[in-house]
C-alpha atoms as a PDB file:
ATOM      1  CA  MET A   1      52.152 -98.170 101.770  1.00  0.00           C
ATOM      2  CA  LYS A   2      49.134 -95.946 101.329  1.00  0.00           C
ATOM      3  CA  GLY A   3      51.374 -93.079 100.190  1.00  0.00           C
ATOM      4  CA  GLN A   4      53.098 -95.309  97.640  1.00  0.00           C
ATOM      5  CA  GLY A   5      49.710 -96.485  96.371  1.00  0.00           C
ATOM      6  CA  ARG A   6      48.534 -92.926  95.964  1.00  0.00           C
ATOM      7  CA  ARG A   7      51.700 -91.949  94.086  1.00  0.00           C
ATOM      8  CA  ARG A   8      51.344 -94.946  91.787  1.00  0.00           C
ATOM      9  CA  GLY A   9      47.690 -94.053  91.179  1.00  0.00           C
ATOM     10  CA  ALA A  10      48.608 -90.444  90.427  1.00  0.00           C
ATOM     11  CA  GLY A  11      51.389 -91.562  88.070  1.00  0.00           C
ATOM     12  CA  ALA A  12      49.030 -93.921  86.237  1.00  0.00           C
ATOM     13  CA  GLY A  13      46.456 -91.133  86.007  1.00  0.00           C
ATOM     14  CA  ARG A  14      48.997 -88.782  84.444  1.00  0.00           C
ATOM     15  CA  ILE A  15      50.044 -91.427  81.929  1.00  0.00           C
ATOM     16  CA  LEU A  16      46.413 -92.114  81.024  1.00  0.00           C
ATOM     17  CA  LEU A  17      45.750 -88.395  80.650  1.00  0.00           C
ATOM     18  CA  ARG A  18      48.731 -88.009  78.319  1.00  0.00           C
ATOM     19  CA  VAL A  19      47.624 -90.980  76.238  1.00  0.00           C
ATOM     20  CA  VAL A  20      44.071 -89.620  75.921  1.00  0.00           C
ATOM     21  CA  CYS A  21      45.353 -86.129  75.036  1.00  0.00           C
ATOM     22  CA  GLY A  22      47.724 -87.641  72.478  1.00  0.00           C
ATOM     23  CA  LEU A  23      44.902 -89.610  70.852  1.00  0.00           C
ATOM     24  CA  ILE A  24      42.678 -86.511  70.717  1.00  0.00           C
ATOM     25  CA  PHE A  25      45.512 -84.462  69.217  1.00  0.00           C
ATOM     26  CA  ALA A  26      46.208 -87.178  66.615  1.00  0.00           C
ATOM     27  CA  PHE A  27      42.513 -87.329  65.732  1.00  0.00           C
ATOM     28  CA  LEU A  28      42.402 -83.553  65.221  1.00  0.00           C
ATOM     29  CA  MET A  29      45.592 -83.505  63.150  1.00  0.00           C
ATOM     30  CA  LEU A  30      44.664 -86.526  61.005  1.00  0.00           C
ATOM     31  CA  PRO A  31      42.844 -84.471  58.311  1.00  0.00           C
ATOM     32  CA  LEU A  32      46.075 -82.574  57.657  1.00  0.00           C
ATOM     33  CA  LEU A  33      47.679 -85.816  56.508  1.00  0.00           C
ATOM     34  CA  VAL A  34      45.066 -85.848  53.758  1.00  0.00           C
ATOM     35  CA  LEU A  35      44.860 -82.119  53.026  1.00  0.00           C
ATOM     36  CA  PHE A  36      48.519 -81.353  52.353  1.00  0.00           C
ATOM     37  CA  PRO A  37      49.126 -84.252  49.917  1.00  0.00           C
ATOM     38  CA  ILE A  38      45.938 -83.349  48.002  1.00  0.00           C
ATOM     39  CA  SER A  39      47.120 -79.739  47.679  1.00  0.00           C
ATOM     40  CA  PHE A  40      50.153 -81.048  45.741  1.00  0.00           C
ATOM     41  CA  SER A  41      48.085 -83.435  43.623  1.00  0.00           C
ATOM     42  CA  SER A  42      48.686 -83.700  39.891  1.00  0.00           C
ATOM     43  CA  GLY A  43      45.099 -84.891  39.345  1.00  0.00           C
ATOM     44  CA  SER A  44      42.265 -82.744  38.061  1.00  0.00           C
ATOM     45  CA  TYR A  45      39.940 -83.291  41.024  1.00  0.00           C
ATOM     46  CA  LEU A  46      40.040 -83.985  44.755  1.00  0.00           C
ATOM     47  CA  ARG A  47      41.431 -87.465  45.156  1.00  0.00           C
ATOM     48  CA  PHE A  48      43.366 -89.290  47.850  1.00  0.00           C
ATOM     49  CA  PRO A  49      45.936 -90.650  47.545  1.00  0.00           C
ATOM     50  CA  PRO A  50      46.973 -88.250  44.769  1.00  0.00           C
ATOM     51  CA  PRO A  51      48.078 -89.831  41.469  1.00  0.00           C
ATOM     52  CA  GLY A  52      51.191 -87.655  41.466  1.00  0.00           C
ATOM     53  CA  PHE A  53      52.645 -84.482  42.897  1.00  0.00           C
ATOM     54  CA  SER A  54      52.619 -81.046  41.302  1.00  0.00           C
ATOM     55  CA  LEU A  55      52.579 -77.358  42.229  1.00  0.00           C
ATOM     56  CA  LYS A  56      50.006 -76.462  39.571  1.00  0.00           C
ATOM     57  CA  TRP A  57      47.190 -75.795  42.038  1.00  0.00           C
ATOM     58  CA  TYR A  58      49.307 -73.274  43.935  1.00  0.00           C
ATOM     59  CA  VAL A  59      50.208 -71.659  40.601  1.00  0.00           C
ATOM     60  CA  ARG A  60      46.542 -71.591  39.608  1.00  0.00           C
ATOM     61  CA  TYR A  61      45.678 -69.885  42.870  1.00  0.00           C
ATOM     62  CA  LEU A  62      48.333 -67.216  42.295  1.00  0.00           C
ATOM     63  CA  ASP A  63      47.208 -66.698  38.686  1.00  0.00           C
ATOM     64  CA  ASP A  64      43.501 -66.421  39.522  1.00  0.00           C
ATOM     65  CA  PRO A  65      42.507 -62.798  40.266  1.00  0.00           C
ATOM     66  CA  THR A  66      39.335 -63.867  42.110  1.00  0.00           C
ATOM     67  CA  TRP A  67      41.340 -65.890  44.636  1.00  0.00           C
ATOM     68  CA  ILE A  68      43.891 -63.096  45.084  1.00  0.00           C
ATOM     69  CA  ASP A  69      41.172 -60.459  45.511  1.00  0.00           C
ATOM     70  CA  ALA A  70      39.440 -62.599  48.139  1.00  0.00           C
ATOM     71  CA  THR A  71      42.749 -63.117  49.951  1.00  0.00           C
ATOM     72  CA  TRP A  72      43.601 -59.414  50.023  1.00  0.00           C
ATOM     73  CA  ARG A  73      40.083 -58.594  51.161  1.00  0.00           C
ATOM     74  CA  SER A  74      40.349 -61.064  54.052  1.00  0.00           C
ATOM     75  CA  LEU A  75      43.719 -59.608  55.049  1.00  0.00           C
ATOM     76  CA  GLN A  76      42.303 -56.089  54.853  1.00  0.00           C
ATOM     77  CA  VAL A  77      39.231 -57.007  56.884  1.00  0.00           C
ATOM     78  CA  GLY A  78      41.357 -58.934  59.400  1.00  0.00           C
ATOM     79  CA  ALA A  79      43.721 -55.999  59.927  1.00  0.00           C
ATOM     80  CA  ALA A  80      40.835 -53.537  60.348  1.00  0.00           C
ATOM     81  CA  THR A  81      39.076 -55.932  62.735  1.00  0.00           C
ATOM     82  CA  THR A  82      42.223 -56.268  64.834  1.00  0.00           C
ATOM     83  CA  VAL A  83      42.665 -52.500  65.113  1.00  0.00           C
ATOM     84  CA  LEU A  84      38.995 -51.874  65.947  1.00  0.00           C
ATOM     85  CA  ALA A  85      38.846 -54.714  68.472  1.00  0.00           C
ATOM     86  CA  LEU A  86      41.938 -53.400  70.266  1.00  0.00           C
ATOM     87  CA  LEU A  87      40.767 -49.768  70.215  1.00  0.00           C
ATOM     88  CA  ILE A  88      37.487 -50.806  71.819  1.00  0.00           C
ATOM     89  CA  GLY A  89      38.704 -53.768  73.876  1.00  0.00           C
ATOM     90  CA  ILE A  90      41.636 -52.153  75.696  1.00  0.00           C
ATOM     91  CA  PRO A  91      39.634 -49.278  77.291  1.00  0.00           C
ATOM     92  CA  LEU A  92      36.728 -51.639  77.958  1.00  0.00           C
ATOM     93  CA  ALA A  93      38.998 -54.143  79.703  1.00  0.00           C
ATOM     94  CA  PHE A  94      40.557 -51.361  81.808  1.00  0.00           C
ATOM     95  CA  GLY A  95      37.109 -50.087  82.758  1.00  0.00           C
ATOM     96  CA  LEU A  96      35.869 -53.535  83.755  1.00  0.00           C
ATOM     97  CA  ALA A  97      39.042 -54.394  85.686  1.00  0.00           C
ATOM     98  CA  ARG A  98      39.484 -51.074  87.476  1.00  0.00           C
ATOM     99  CA  GLY A  99      35.988 -49.598  87.543  1.00  0.00           C
ATOM    100  CA  ARG A 100      33.493 -49.892  90.372  1.00  0.00           C
ATOM    101  CA  PHE A 101      30.051 -49.109  89.000  1.00  0.00           C
ATOM    102  CA  ARG A 102      26.622 -50.649  88.822  1.00  0.00           C
ATOM    103  CA  GLY A 103      26.101 -53.164  86.073  1.00  0.00           C
ATOM    104  CA  ARG A 104      29.791 -53.985  85.723  1.00  0.00           C
ATOM    105  CA  ALA A 105      29.223 -57.721  86.241  1.00  0.00           C
ATOM    106  CA  LEU A 106      26.331 -57.653  83.755  1.00  0.00           C
ATOM    107  CA  ILE A 107      28.501 -55.976  81.106  1.00  0.00           C
ATOM    108  CA  GLU A 108      31.359 -58.402  81.743  1.00  0.00           C
ATOM    109  CA  ASN A 109      29.053 -61.389  81.332  1.00  0.00           C
ATOM    110  CA  GLY A 110      27.410 -59.835  78.272  1.00  0.00           C
ATOM    111  CA  ILE A 111      30.781 -59.514  76.558  1.00  0.00           C
ATOM    112  CA  SER A 112      30.737 -63.274  75.982  1.00  0.00           C
ATOM    113  CA  ALA A 113      27.389 -63.173  74.152  1.00  0.00           C
ATOM    114  CA  PRO A 114      28.897 -63.312  70.619  1.00  0.00           C
ATOM    115  CA  ILE A 115      30.705 -66.508  71.646  1.00  0.00           C
ATOM    116  CA  ILE A 116      27.624 -68.131  73.165  1.00  0.00           C
ATOM    117  CA  VAL A 117      24.982 -67.067  70.634  1.00  0.00           C
ATOM    118  CA  PRO A 118      25.092 -69.154  67.414  1.00  0.00           C
ATOM    119  CA  HIS A 119      26.729 -67.271  64.534  1.00  0.00           C
ATOM    120  CA  ILE A 120      23.715 -67.887  62.301  1.00  0.00           C
ATOM    121  CA  VAL A 121      21.551 -65.897  64.726  1.00  0.00           C
ATOM    122  CA  LEU A 122      24.076 -63.059  64.879  1.00  0.00           C
ATOM    123  CA  SER A 123      24.409 -63.129  61.096  1.00  0.00           C
ATOM    124  CA  ILE A 124      20.668 -62.682  60.581  1.00  0.00           C
ATOM    125  CA  ALA A 125      20.574 -59.806  63.080  1.00  0.00           C
ATOM    126  CA  ILE A 126      23.625 -58.110  61.542  1.00  0.00           C
ATOM    127  CA  TYR A 127      22.223 -58.551  58.045  1.00  0.00           C
ATOM    128  CA  GLY A 128      18.940 -56.911  59.058  1.00  0.00           C
ATOM    129  CA  LEU A 129      20.809 -53.917  60.523  1.00  0.00           C
ATOM    130  CA  PHE A 130      23.446 -53.559  57.788  1.00  0.00           C
ATOM    131  CA  SER A 131      20.887 -53.788  54.994  1.00  0.00           C
ATOM    132  CA  ARG A 132      19.252 -50.629  56.395  1.00  0.00           C
ATOM    133  CA  LEU A 133      22.614 -48.887  56.751  1.00  0.00           C
ATOM    134  CA  GLY A 134      23.757 -49.824  53.239  1.00  0.00           C
ATOM    135  CA  LEU A 135      26.781 -51.778  54.454  1.00  0.00           C
ATOM    136  CA  ILE A 136      26.069 -55.035  52.600  1.00  0.00           C
ATOM    137  CA  GLY A 137      28.979 -55.871  50.316  1.00  0.00           C
ATOM    138  CA  GLU A 138      31.330 -53.276  51.843  1.00  0.00           C
ATOM    139  CA  TRP A 139      34.608 -54.522  53.284  1.00  0.00           C
ATOM    140  CA  TYR A 140      34.424 -52.119  56.212  1.00  0.00           C
ATOM    141  CA  GLY A 141      30.959 -53.450  57.015  1.00  0.00           C
ATOM    142  CA  ILE A 142      32.431 -56.941  57.260  1.00  0.00           C
ATOM    143  CA  ALA A 143      35.194 -55.554  59.493  1.00  0.00           C
ATOM    144  CA  VAL A 144      32.636 -54.002  61.857  1.00  0.00           C
ATOM    145  CA  ALA A 145      30.688 -57.268  62.026  1.00  0.00           C
ATOM    146  CA  HIS A 146      33.858 -59.263  62.653  1.00  0.00           C
ATOM    147  CA  THR A 147      34.806 -56.819  65.407  1.00  0.00           C
ATOM    148  CA  VAL A 148      31.645 -57.861  67.255  1.00  0.00           C
ATOM    149  CA  LEU A 149      32.838 -61.474  67.069  1.00  0.00           C
ATOM    150  CA  ALA A 150      36.471 -60.731  67.972  1.00  0.00           C
ATOM    151  CA  LEU A 151      35.833 -58.277  70.824  1.00  0.00           C
ATOM    152  CA  PRO A 152      35.013 -60.961  73.465  1.00  0.00           C
ATOM    153  CA  PHE A 153      38.369 -62.691  72.904  1.00  0.00           C
ATOM    154  CA  VAL A 154      40.234 -59.387  73.216  1.00  0.00           C
ATOM    155  CA  VAL A 155      38.448 -58.360  76.412  1.00  0.00           C
ATOM    156  CA  ILE A 156      38.734 -61.781  78.055  1.00  0.00           C
ATOM    157  CA  VAL A 157      42.484 -62.039  77.350  1.00  0.00           C
ATOM    158  CA  LEU A 158      43.162 -58.480  78.528  1.00  0.00           C
ATOM    159  CA  LEU A 159      41.031 -58.895  81.654  1.00  0.00           C
ATOM    160  CA  SER A 160      43.064 -61.961  82.565  1.00  0.00           C
ATOM    161  CA  GLY A 161      46.285 -59.990  82.171  1.00  0.00           C
ATOM    162  CA  LEU A 162      44.989 -56.991  84.117  1.00  0.00           C
ATOM    163  CA  ARG A 163      43.837 -59.116  87.054  1.00  0.00           C
ATOM    164  CA  ASP A 164      47.310 -60.660  87.346  1.00  0.00           C
ATOM    165  CA  PHE A 165      48.967 -57.243  87.030  1.00  0.00           C
ATOM    166  CA  ASP A 166      50.796 -55.859  90.043  1.00  0.00           C
ATOM    167  CA  THR A 167      49.108 -52.479  90.515  1.00  0.00           C
ATOM    168  CA  SER A 168      51.885 -51.326  92.856  1.00  0.00           C
ATOM    169  CA  LEU A 169      54.068 -50.723  89.786  1.00  0.00           C
ATOM    170  CA  GLU A 170      51.506 -48.339  88.354  1.00  0.00           C
ATOM    171  CA  LEU A 171      51.086 -46.653  91.754  1.00  0.00           C
ATOM    172  CA  ALA A 172      54.860 -46.197  91.928  1.00  0.00           C
ATOM    173  CA  ALA A 173      54.807 -44.472  88.553  1.00  0.00           C
ATOM    174  CA  ARG A 174      51.992 -42.240  89.738  1.00  0.00           C
ATOM    175  CA  GLY A 175      54.005 -41.447  92.852  1.00  0.00           C
ATOM    176  CA  LEU A 176      56.950 -40.384  90.684  1.00  0.00           C
ATOM    177  CA  GLY A 177      54.814 -37.811  88.912  1.00  0.00           C
ATOM    178  CA  ALA A 178      53.286 -39.683  85.992  1.00  0.00           C
ATOM    179  CA  GLY A 179      49.659 -39.002  85.171  1.00  0.00           C
ATOM    180  CA  PRO A 180      47.083 -41.788  84.791  1.00  0.00           C
ATOM    181  CA  ILE A 181      47.485 -41.951  81.000  1.00  0.00           C
ATOM    182  CA  ASP A 182      51.285 -41.738  81.129  1.00  0.00           C
ATOM    183  CA  ALA A 183      51.426 -44.472  83.787  1.00  0.00           C
ATOM    184  CA  ALA A 184      49.218 -46.733  81.710  1.00  0.00           C
ATOM    185  CA  ARG A 185      51.226 -46.000  78.539  1.00  0.00           C
ATOM    186  CA  THR A 186      54.721 -46.355  79.978  1.00  0.00           C
ATOM    187  CA  VAL A 187      54.203 -49.033  82.655  1.00  0.00           C
ATOM    188  CA  THR A 188      50.939 -50.944  82.390  1.00  0.00           C
ATOM    189  CA  LEU A 189      50.697 -51.522  78.647  1.00  0.00           C
ATOM    190  CA  PRO A 190      54.367 -52.572  78.189  1.00  0.00           C
ATOM    191  CA  ILE A 191      53.949 -55.176  80.928  1.00  0.00           C
ATOM    192  CA  LEU A 192      50.648 -56.282  79.401  1.00  0.00           C
ATOM    193  CA  ALA A 193      52.219 -56.469  75.924  1.00  0.00           C
ATOM    194  CA  PRO A 194      52.038 -60.309  75.788  1.00  0.00           C
ATOM    195  CA  SER A 195      48.296 -60.152  76.506  1.00  0.00           C
ATOM    196  CA  VAL A 196      47.844 -57.426  73.891  1.00  0.00           C
ATOM    197  CA  TYR A 197      49.739 -59.483  71.290  1.00  0.00           C
ATOM    198  CA  SER A 198      47.672 -62.554  72.082  1.00  0.00           C
ATOM    199  CA  ALA A 199      44.440 -60.563  71.853  1.00  0.00           C
ATOM    200  CA  ALA A 200      45.503 -59.063  68.515  1.00  0.00           C
ATOM    201  CA  PHE A 201      46.344 -62.443  66.997  1.00  0.00           C
ATOM    202  CA  LEU A 202      43.072 -63.945  68.239  1.00  0.00           C
ATOM    203  CA  ALA A 203      41.124 -61.031  66.745  1.00  0.00           C
ATOM    204  CA  PHE A 204      42.861 -61.411  63.380  1.00  0.00           C
ATOM    205  CA  ILE A 205      42.411 -65.187  63.270  1.00  0.00           C
ATOM    206  CA  THR A 206      38.736 -64.839  64.253  1.00  0.00           C
ATOM    207  CA  SER A 207      38.163 -62.514  61.300  1.00  0.00           C
ATOM    208  CA  PHE A 208      40.391 -64.271  58.781  1.00  0.00           C
ATOM    209  CA  ASP A 209      38.718 -67.646  59.335  1.00  0.00           C
ATOM    210  CA  GLU A 210      35.093 -66.464  59.701  1.00  0.00           C
ATOM    211  CA  LEU A 211      32.527 -67.715  57.165  1.00  0.00           C
ATOM    212  CA  VAL A 212      28.928 -67.497  58.417  1.00  0.00           C
ATOM    213  CA  VAL A 213      28.686 -63.719  58.827  1.00  0.00           C
ATOM    214  CA  ALA A 214      30.596 -63.178  55.567  1.00  0.00           C
ATOM    215  CA  MET A 215      28.054 -65.330  53.718  1.00  0.00           C
ATOM    216  CA  PHE A 216      25.288 -62.932  54.758  1.00  0.00           C
ATOM    217  CA  ILE A 217      26.914 -59.517  54.331  1.00  0.00           C
ATOM    218  CA  SER A 218      29.859 -59.850  51.924  1.00  0.00           C
ATOM    219  CA  GLY A 219      27.735 -59.829  48.779  1.00  0.00           C
ATOM    220  CA  ALA A 220      29.809 -60.060  45.601  1.00  0.00           C
ATOM    221  CA  ASN A 221      32.952 -58.908  47.465  1.00  0.00           C
ATOM    222  CA  MET A 222      33.828 -62.288  48.906  1.00  0.00           C
ATOM    223  CA  THR A 223      36.301 -62.966  51.662  1.00  0.00           C
ATOM    224  CA  LEU A 224      38.659 -65.934  51.373  1.00  0.00           C
ATOM    225  CA  PRO A 225      36.522 -68.364  53.470  1.00  0.00           C
ATOM    226  CA  LYS A 226      33.438 -67.393  51.399  1.00  0.00           C
ATOM    227  CA  LYS A 227      35.368 -67.979  48.174  1.00  0.00           C
ATOM    228  CA  MET A 228      36.535 -71.358  49.463  1.00  0.00           C
ATOM    229  CA  PHE A 229      32.968 -72.329  50.355  1.00  0.00           C
ATOM    230  CA  ASP A 230      31.682 -71.339  46.914  1.00  0.00           C
ATOM    231  CA  SER A 231      34.535 -73.239  45.275  1.00  0.00           C
ATOM    232  CA  ILE A 232      33.697 -76.416  47.195  1.00  0.00           C
ATOM    233  CA  MET A 233      30.022 -76.101  46.241  1.00  0.00           C
ATOM    234  CA  SER A 234      30.671 -75.562  42.527  1.00  0.00           C
ATOM    235  CA  GLU A 235      33.997 -77.296  41.814  1.00  0.00           C
ATOM    236  CA  ILE A 236      36.008 -80.266  43.034  1.00  0.00           C
ATOM    237  CA  GLU A 237      39.481 -79.209  41.888  1.00  0.00           C
ATOM    238  CA  PRO A 238      42.316 -79.213  44.462  1.00  0.00           C
ATOM    239  CA  THR A 239      42.816 -75.428  44.352  1.00  0.00           C
ATOM    240  CA  VAL A 240      40.759 -75.135  47.523  1.00  0.00           C
ATOM    241  CA  ALA A 241      43.069 -77.683  49.182  1.00  0.00           C
ATOM    242  CA  ALA A 242      46.090 -75.563  48.244  1.00  0.00           C
ATOM    243  CA  VAL A 243      44.414 -72.446  49.667  1.00  0.00           C
ATOM    244  CA  SER A 244      43.467 -74.321  52.842  1.00  0.00           C
ATOM    245  CA  ALA A 245      47.066 -75.495  53.265  1.00  0.00           C
ATOM    246  CA  MET A 246      48.386 -71.945  52.923  1.00  0.00           C
ATOM    247  CA  GLN A 247      45.742 -70.690  55.349  1.00  0.00           C
ATOM    248  CA  ILE A 248      46.762 -73.288  57.933  1.00  0.00           C
ATOM    249  CA  VAL A 249      50.427 -72.360  57.518  1.00  0.00           C
ATOM    250  CA  LEU A 250      49.629 -68.654  57.983  1.00  0.00           C
ATOM    251  CA  ILE A 251      47.520 -69.205  61.106  1.00  0.00           C
ATOM    252  CA  SER A 252      50.124 -71.589  62.567  1.00  0.00           C
ATOM    253  CA  ALA A 253      52.837 -68.987  61.938  1.00  0.00           C
ATOM    254  CA  LEU A 254      50.755 -66.348  63.736  1.00  0.00           C
ATOM    255  CA  LEU A 255      50.196 -68.662  66.695  1.00  0.00           C
ATOM    256  CA  LEU A 256      53.916 -69.434  66.904  1.00  0.00           C
ATOM    257  CA  LEU A 257      54.712 -65.724  66.671  1.00  0.00           C
ATOM    258  CA  GLY A 258      52.222 -65.031  69.441  1.00  0.00           C
ATOM    259  CA  THR A 259      53.870 -67.705  71.598  1.00  0.00           C
ATOM    260  CA  TRP A 260      57.300 -66.186  70.936  1.00  0.00           C
ATOM    261  CA  LEU A 261      56.065 -62.714  71.843  1.00  0.00           C
ATOM    262  CA  ARG A 262      54.648 -63.925  75.175  1.00  0.00           C
ATOM    263  CA  ARG A 263      57.935 -63.229  76.875  1.00  0.00           C
ATOM    264  CA  PRO A 264      58.228 -61.499  80.235  1.00  0.00           C
ATOM    265  CA  VAL A 265      58.288 -57.740  79.789  1.00  0.00           C
ATOM    266  CA  THR A 266      59.879 -55.502  82.359  1.00  0.00           C
ATOM    267  CA  ALA A 267      58.488 -52.033  82.930  1.00  0.00           C
ATOM    268  CA  PRO A 268      60.722 -49.184  81.773  1.00  0.00           C
ATOM    269  CA  LEU A 269      61.802 -46.552  84.272  1.00  0.00           C
ATOM    270  CA  VAL A 270      59.416 -43.620  84.393  1.00  0.00           C
ATOM    271  CA  ARG A 271      61.200 -40.403  83.644  1.00  0.00           C
END
């Protein structure tokens, strides 16, 4: 009887958990039910429900060079941020996972600082440094700043993958004559490919959707989130809703692609 009571309690707890999670998910997704219809509005300003449906705001976005320039700049900055974060994050994650040196725990905990510290504080500090280096308004300056924000996600994801990695596979490759770099390149990294893909997508999304730092250091060369913010402050036309809808679709596609790429990877035979 006690066992049946416990099972019933556990079943009720799972049902309650699913209901609560469903309500939270619905609450988070509710704004999309407003955003997407507004992006197809035929009206001249933000209004819900829309008076009619039209594609004119998407056409206006495509015909406006300022929106297109901001979009390309965000894509350029996001790609550079992803590459820089991986080039720094992969060796750093290997060093933290495999190394045995003083201060390793301190460095590992410090990696999370850009996540913990408010972005406004980081933005002020980065602005003070970049203004002396002459990087204000330069796209590569924004990429460097975004790399600081994206690096913790890359390192944390890769550390998780490395700690679950079966090191005997790498030792077997070393025993067959592969050097440390060759073993990491031909065995470790292919097996860790899902973690690398996830880290890359997180780095790109972190940069592509970042606003606070861009407000301080982008200058006249605005990124897409900065352009959207300025548009909301100065205009009320639904172009920003159309851009937001396309941004959500792009990020969702990247997340789905990342999920698809998280397939088990088998290590190739070391020659």
